[in-house]
């Protein structure tokens, strides 16, 4: 099992990454409403960002942004965060932190209807809004904004990684 819906889309990086931790709630995938295709695109965004800027600030990025509230409110994410924090191996810890970042960015993309993802997957959008809506309100730093607009300048190529491809749009039209 994985945190995301296993249907329709397959990406070797996402497949390998999902096998790292098997978490579910009541026999259901924890975030089955997140389209696998979106999860793969968010994973590539997170990978490309950390490929450029490194992983040194990733735990702080998660904990000091609004992602902390999401992590604390969701038992699976909290367990993964604690496990990653205790690991001795940096590579494995970074993979787990990146899994958390991928989940949160995907939720934010759906909830904010970024690049039309919420329109394409209205049920997923409602679930993401419900999950994010339960968090304390106030000034919130969106994790996806940190990835899309790094402090060293706006990186448009990162934003393009989340845009649906032509094949994706055609598949959605058939549904």
Protein backbone atom coordinates (compact mmCIF):
# COMPACT_ATOMS: atom_id res chain seq x y z
CA UNK A 1 0.00 0.00 0.00
CA UNK A 2 1.02 3.60 -0.46
CA UNK A 3 -0.17 6.97 0.74
CA UNK A 4 -1.63 7.77 -2.67
CA UNK A 5 -4.16 6.27 -5.04
CA UNK A 6 -2.50 3.45 -6.97
CA UNK A 7 -4.59 3.68 -10.13
CA UNK A 8 -3.98 4.99 -13.61
CA UNK A 9 -0.54 6.59 -13.36
CA UNK A 10 2.81 4.93 -12.88
CA UNK A 11 6.14 6.63 -12.39
CA UNK A 12 9.16 4.54 -11.35
CA UNK A 13 10.40 7.20 -8.88
CA UNK A 14 6.99 7.46 -7.21
CA UNK A 15 6.50 3.68 -7.22
CA UNK A 16 9.84 3.10 -5.51
CA UNK A 17 9.22 5.91 -3.07
CA UNK A 18 5.74 4.70 -2.11
CA UNK A 19 7.12 1.32 -1.19
CA UNK A 20 9.31 3.00 1.45
CA UNK A 21 6.47 3.24 3.98
CA UNK A 22 3.13 1.53 3.97
CA UNK A 23 0.60 3.61 5.89
CA UNK A 24 -3.15 3.37 5.71
CA UNK A 25 -6.17 4.33 7.72
CA UNK A 26 -8.82 1.70 8.33
CA UNK A 27 -7.58 -0.38 5.39
CA UNK A 28 -7.84 2.63 3.05
CA UNK A 29 -4.95 4.52 1.53
CA UNK A 30 -4.37 7.57 3.71
CA UNK A 31 -4.55 10.04 0.80
CA UNK A 32 -6.30 7.97 -1.85
CA UNK A 33 -8.11 11.06 -3.13
CA UNK A 34 -4.80 12.55 -4.34
CA UNK A 35 -4.34 11.65 -8.01
CA UNK A 36 -1.22 9.56 -8.48
CA UNK A 37 -0.26 11.70 -11.45
CA UNK A 38 -0.32 14.83 -9.25
CA UNK A 39 1.71 13.03 -6.59
CA UNK A 40 4.34 12.17 -9.22
CA UNK A 41 4.49 15.78 -10.42
CA UNK A 42 4.77 17.08 -6.87
CA UNK A 43 7.50 14.53 -6.20
CA UNK A 44 9.46 15.81 -9.21
CA UNK A 45 8.99 19.40 -7.98
CA UNK A 46 10.31 18.51 -4.52
CA UNK A 47 13.20 16.50 -6.03
CA UNK A 48 14.22 19.27 -8.42
CA UNK A 49 14.09 21.91 -5.68
CA UNK A 50 16.26 19.89 -3.31
CA UNK A 51 18.57 18.88 -6.15
CA UNK A 52 19.40 22.58 -6.51
CA UNK A 53 19.17 23.84 -2.92
CA UNK A 54 20.06 20.69 -0.98
CA UNK A 55 18.28 18.95 1.88
CA UNK A 56 19.82 20.77 4.83
CA UNK A 57 16.78 22.94 5.52
CA UNK A 58 14.08 20.41 4.61
CA UNK A 59 13.05 19.42 8.17
CA UNK A 60 12.92 23.09 9.18
CA UNK A 61 11.05 23.96 6.00
CA UNK A 62 8.40 21.39 6.93
CA UNK A 63 8.24 22.23 10.61
CA UNK A 64 8.38 26.03 10.44
CA UNK A 65 5.85 26.44 7.62
CA UNK A 66 2.13 25.70 7.75
CA UNK A 67 3.07 22.10 7.02
CA UNK A 68 3.69 21.60 10.73
CA UNK A 69 -0.03 21.84 11.43
CA UNK A 70 -0.80 19.26 8.76
CA UNK A 71 1.88 16.92 10.09
CA UNK A 72 0.63 17.24 13.67
CA UNK A 73 -3.01 16.68 12.65
CA UNK A 74 -2.34 13.56 10.60
CA UNK A 75 -0.99 10.57 12.50
CA UNK A 76 0.67 8.94 9.49
CA UNK A 77 2.62 12.06 8.59
CA UNK A 78 3.58 12.60 12.22
CA UNK A 79 4.91 9.03 12.50
CA UNK A 80 6.92 9.42 9.29
CA UNK A 81 8.32 12.77 10.48
CA UNK A 82 9.38 11.30 13.84
CA UNK A 83 10.91 8.27 12.14
CA UNK A 84 12.86 10.45 9.71
CA UNK A 85 14.06 12.68 12.56
CA UNK A 86 15.52 9.70 14.40
CA UNK A 87 17.23 8.00 11.45
CA UNK A 88 21.00 7.98 11.28
CA UNK A 89 21.17 7.67 7.50
CA UNK A 90 20.71 11.04 5.80
CA UNK A 91 19.59 9.49 2.50
CA UNK A 92 16.71 7.56 4.05
CA UNK A 93 15.73 10.47 6.31
CA UNK A 94 15.68 12.84 3.34
CA UNK A 95 13.48 10.40 1.37
CA UNK A 96 10.96 10.35 4.21
CA UNK A 97 11.00 14.14 4.61
CA UNK A 98 10.49 14.42 0.85
CA UNK A 99 7.52 12.03 1.08
CA UNK A 100 5.92 14.36 3.62
CA UNK A 101 6.66 17.40 1.45
CA UNK A 102 5.17 15.63 -1.58
CA UNK A 103 1.96 14.80 0.29
CA UNK A 104 1.54 18.31 1.63
CA UNK A 105 2.31 20.04 -1.67
CA UNK A 106 -0.18 17.75 -3.45
CA UNK A 107 -2.86 18.60 -0.87
CA UNK A 108 -2.19 22.31 -1.26
CA UNK A 109 -2.25 22.11 -5.07
CA UNK A 110 -5.65 20.39 -4.95
CA UNK A 111 -7.10 22.70 -2.31
CA UNK A 112 -5.94 25.87 -4.07
CA UNK A 113 -6.89 24.55 -7.52
CA UNK A 114 -3.41 25.30 -8.78
CA UNK A 115 -3.02 24.70 -12.54
CA UNK A 116 -6.60 23.43 -12.68
CA UNK A 117 -6.03 20.31 -10.56
CA UNK A 118 -9.00 21.07 -8.32
CA UNK A 119 -11.32 21.41 -11.31
CA UNK A 120 -10.07 18.17 -12.80
CA UNK A 121 -10.50 16.30 -9.51
CA UNK A 122 -13.33 18.01 -7.60
CA UNK A 123 -13.69 15.18 -5.08
CA UNK A 124 -9.99 15.36 -4.29
CA UNK A 125 -10.26 19.13 -3.98
CA UNK A 126 -13.08 18.81 -1.44
CA UNK A 127 -11.13 16.25 0.58
CA UNK A 128 -7.98 18.40 0.54
CA UNK A 129 -9.97 21.51 1.54
CA UNK A 130 -11.60 19.54 4.35
CA UNK A 131 -8.23 18.31 5.60
CA UNK A 132 -6.58 21.73 5.33
CA UNK A 133 -9.69 23.52 6.61
CA UNK A 134 -9.48 21.73 9.94
CA UNK A 135 -6.17 23.42 10.66
CA UNK A 136 -5.89 26.52 12.82
CA UNK A 137 -6.52 29.61 10.76
CA UNK A 138 -4.27 32.62 10.72
CA UNK A 139 -1.21 33.52 8.81
CA UNK A 140 -0.15 30.36 7.06
CA UNK A 141 2.93 29.76 4.95
CA UNK A 142 1.95 27.42 2.13
CA UNK A 143 4.64 24.83 1.48
CA UNK A 144 3.92 24.86 -2.26
CA UNK A 145 4.73 28.59 -2.29
CA UNK A 146 8.13 27.88 -0.76
CA UNK A 147 8.83 25.34 -3.52
CA UNK A 148 7.46 27.43 -6.36
CA UNK A 149 8.95 30.75 -5.22
CA UNK A 150 12.29 30.08 -3.53
CA UNK A 151 13.83 33.03 -1.74
CA UNK A 152 16.62 33.20 -4.32
CA UNK A 153 14.16 34.16 -7.06
CA UNK A 154 11.07 32.85 -8.79
CA UNK A 155 11.83 29.65 -10.67
CA UNK A 156 9.25 29.27 -13.43
CA UNK A 157 10.56 25.86 -14.47
CA UNK A 158 9.43 24.48 -11.10
CA UNK A 159 5.90 25.75 -11.66
CA UNK A 160 5.80 24.08 -15.07
CA UNK A 161 6.41 20.67 -13.47
CA UNK A 162 2.89 20.80 -11.97
CA UNK A 163 1.05 21.71 -15.17
CA UNK A 164 -1.03 18.85 -16.59
CA UNK A 165 0.30 17.39 -19.82
CA UNK A 166 -1.81 17.17 -23.00
CA UNK A 167 -2.27 13.42 -22.50
CA UNK A 168 -3.47 14.05 -18.93
CA UNK A 169 -6.03 16.59 -20.12
CA UNK A 170 -7.29 14.20 -22.78
CA UNK A 171 -7.64 11.38 -20.24
CA UNK A 172 -9.59 13.67 -17.91
CA UNK A 173 -11.90 14.63 -20.78
CA UNK A 174 -12.81 10.96 -21.27
CA UNK A 175 -13.81 10.64 -17.59
